[in-house]
Amino acid sequence: MKELFIEKVIDESVNFLDNNQRIKLKEILAEICLNYQIEIIKQSKIQEIQINNTDILNKFISSKEIEGCSTRTLNYYKDNISKMLDTINLPIDEITTEVLRNYLANYKNNSKAGMVTIDNIRRTLSSFFAWLENEDYIVKSPVRRIHKVKAIKK
């Protein structure tokens, strides 16, 4: 299984790394993988993660609705958080600061969104993860270490 994992990583890197870099990457991965057990996640496991994440997201949206948020705000929250959860595809309690930073960076690059939009998404995620922390779904919000995105003022 480890060999298959290494080969998949090497195959995916063919457009980014030259041959010498791929050889070195293969050596590094082989050494690192000695300390880990690698297994393929079954489709049912992925579906289980998505169902659990969706259930928690719906509880968050319900709590915001009770707090008096407008339908427009609720839809904005749901759309942005759903998009993040679907893209990351990890259980909520395994999402880290680095994963969220990568998500925001990729979102910015792929959608050509402006800095204000990225900061709005960051604030939405901050609200969601703060709620998760308050409701004891997670120990500490991974968004805490992601600071306000500076936008150019006109």
Protein backbone atom coordinates (compact mmCIF):
# COMPACT_ATOMS: atom_id res chain seq x y z
CA MET A 1 0.00 0.00 0.00
CA LYS A 2 2.87 2.38 0.80
CA GLU A 3 4.42 1.80 -2.61
CA LEU A 4 1.11 2.58 -4.31
CA PHE A 5 0.80 5.79 -2.28
CA ILE A 6 4.35 6.84 -3.20
CA GLU A 7 3.77 6.11 -6.88
CA LYS A 8 0.54 8.14 -6.90
CA VAL A 9 2.34 11.13 -5.34
CA ILE A 10 5.18 10.85 -7.86
CA ASP A 11 2.69 10.59 -10.75
CA GLU A 12 0.85 13.70 -9.55
CA SER A 13 4.11 15.66 -9.32
CA VAL A 14 5.21 14.98 -12.91
CA ASN A 15 4.08 18.44 -14.09
CA PHE A 16 5.78 20.29 -11.23
CA LEU A 17 9.06 18.52 -10.57
CA ASP A 18 11.92 17.48 -12.82
CA ASN A 19 13.18 13.90 -12.86
CA ASN A 20 15.89 14.42 -10.20
CA GLN A 21 13.39 16.10 -7.87
CA ARG A 22 10.91 13.25 -8.32
CA ILE A 23 13.62 10.69 -7.51
CA LYS A 24 14.54 12.60 -4.33
CA LEU A 25 10.86 12.95 -3.39
CA LYS A 26 10.39 9.21 -3.82
CA GLU A 27 13.34 8.54 -1.48
CA ILE A 28 12.01 10.96 1.13
CA LEU A 29 8.49 9.51 0.98
CA ALA A 30 9.79 5.95 1.27
CA GLU A 31 11.75 6.91 4.39
CA ILE A 32 8.85 8.81 5.97
CA CYS A 33 6.32 6.07 5.19
CA LEU A 34 8.33 3.55 7.23
CA ASN A 35 6.80 5.10 10.36
CA TYR A 36 3.19 5.20 9.13
CA GLN A 37 0.42 2.84 8.23
CA ILE A 38 -1.33 3.85 5.03
CA GLU A 39 -4.74 2.61 4.01
CA ILE A 40 -7.27 3.52 1.35
CA ILE A 41 -10.33 5.27 2.70
CA LYS A 42 -13.41 3.52 1.43
CA GLN A 43 -16.11 5.57 -0.29
CA SER A 44 -18.46 4.84 2.62
CA LYS A 45 -15.98 6.48 5.02
CA ILE A 46 -15.92 9.61 2.85
CA GLN A 47 -19.73 9.66 2.78
CA GLU A 48 -19.79 9.21 6.57
CA ILE A 49 -17.50 12.23 6.97
CA GLN A 50 -19.71 14.32 4.66
CA ILE A 51 -22.92 13.32 6.48
CA ASN A 52 -21.41 14.13 9.88
CA ASN A 53 -20.02 17.47 8.67
CA THR A 54 -23.36 18.39 7.08
CA ASP A 55 -25.20 17.51 10.28
CA ILE A 56 -22.92 19.77 12.34
CA LEU A 57 -23.20 22.57 9.75
CA ASN A 58 -27.00 22.37 9.92
CA LYS A 59 -26.85 22.70 13.73
CA PHE A 60 -24.64 25.79 13.32
CA ILE A 61 -27.05 27.34 10.79
CA SER A 62 -29.97 26.62 13.14
CA SER A 63 -28.16 28.33 16.01
CA LYS A 64 -27.46 31.39 13.85
CA GLU A 65 -31.10 31.47 12.77
CA ILE A 66 -32.16 31.50 16.43
CA GLU A 67 -29.70 34.36 17.03
CA GLY A 68 -31.61 36.37 14.41
CA CYS A 69 -29.35 36.24 11.36
CA SER A 70 -31.07 37.10 8.09
CA THR A 71 -31.86 34.46 5.47
CA ARG A 72 -29.26 36.05 3.20
CA THR A 73 -26.58 35.77 5.91
CA LEU A 74 -27.57 32.18 6.67
CA ASN A 75 -27.30 31.25 2.99
CA TYR A 76 -23.90 32.99 2.74
CA TYR A 77 -22.67 31.06 5.80
CA LYS A 78 -24.01 27.76 4.52
CA ASP A 79 -22.61 28.19 1.00
CA ASN A 80 -19.12 29.19 2.13
CA ILE A 81 -18.81 26.58 4.88
CA SER A 82 -20.25 23.81 2.67
CA LYS A 83 -17.79 24.69 -0.08
CA MET A 84 -14.91 24.56 2.41
CA LEU A 85 -16.03 21.22 3.91
CA ASP A 86 -16.54 19.65 0.48
CA THR A 87 -13.16 20.84 -0.74
CA ILE A 88 -11.19 19.82 2.35
CA ASN A 89 -13.16 16.59 2.88
CA LEU A 90 -11.90 15.97 6.42
CA PRO A 91 -13.80 15.43 9.65
CA ILE A 92 -14.33 18.80 11.31
CA ASP A 93 -12.17 17.90 14.31
CA GLU A 94 -9.20 17.13 12.00
CA ILE A 95 -9.18 20.49 10.20
CA THR A 96 -6.03 22.44 11.05
CA THR A 97 -4.91 26.04 10.61
CA GLU A 98 -2.60 25.01 7.78
CA VAL A 99 -5.41 23.20 5.94
CA LEU A 100 -7.59 26.32 6.18
CA ARG A 101 -4.76 28.60 5.05
CA ASN A 102 -4.23 26.38 2.01
CA TYR A 103 -7.95 26.35 1.30
CA LEU A 104 -8.15 30.17 1.40
CA ALA A 105 -5.04 30.54 -0.77
CA ASN A 106 -6.35 28.04 -3.33
CA TYR A 107 -9.78 29.68 -3.27
CA LYS A 108 -8.19 33.07 -3.96
CA ASN A 109 -6.09 31.74 -6.82
CA ASN A 110 -8.80 29.60 -8.44
CA SER A 111 -11.68 32.07 -8.17
CA LYS A 112 -9.72 35.28 -8.67
CA ALA A 113 -11.56 36.62 -5.61
CA GLY A 114 -10.46 39.89 -4.07
CA MET A 115 -8.96 40.35 -0.63
CA VAL A 116 -12.25 41.61 0.83
CA THR A 117 -14.02 38.42 -0.30
CA ILE A 118 -11.27 36.24 1.18
CA ASP A 119 -11.52 38.13 4.47
CA ASN A 120 -15.32 37.69 4.47
CA ILE A 121 -14.87 33.94 4.02
CA ARG A 122 -12.25 33.95 6.80
CA ARG A 123 -14.72 35.71 9.12
CA THR A 124 -17.44 33.20 8.22
CA LEU A 125 -15.08 30.31 8.99
CA SER A 126 -14.03 32.05 12.19
CA SER A 127 -17.64 32.28 13.32
CA PHE A 128 -18.23 28.61 12.48
CA PHE A 129 -15.13 27.33 14.27
CA ALA A 130 -15.73 29.58 17.29
CA TRP A 131 -19.21 28.04 17.54
CA LEU A 132 -17.70 24.54 17.23
CA GLU A 133 -15.31 25.39 20.05
CA ASN A 134 -18.10 26.77 22.26
CA GLU A 135 -20.23 23.68 21.59
CA ASP A 136 -17.27 21.36 22.41
CA TYR A 137 -17.01 19.80 18.95
CA ILE A 138 -13.37 20.92 18.84
CA VAL A 139 -10.83 21.91 21.48
CA LYS A 140 -9.46 25.05 19.80
CA SER A 141 -10.50 26.95 16.70
CA PRO A 142 -7.93 26.57 13.88
CA VAL A 143 -8.99 29.98 12.52
CA ARG A 144 -7.62 31.81 15.58
CA ARG A 145 -4.17 31.98 14.04
CA ILE A 146 -5.43 33.24 10.68
CA HIS A 147 -5.42 37.01 10.93
CA LYS A 148 -7.50 39.61 9.17
CA VAL A 149 -6.74 39.86 5.48
CA LYS A 150 -5.55 43.34 4.60
CA ALA A 151 -7.41 44.90 1.69
CA ILE A 152 -6.39 47.95 -0.26
CA LYS A 153 -8.64 50.90 0.61
CA LYS A 154 -9.76 53.17 -2.16
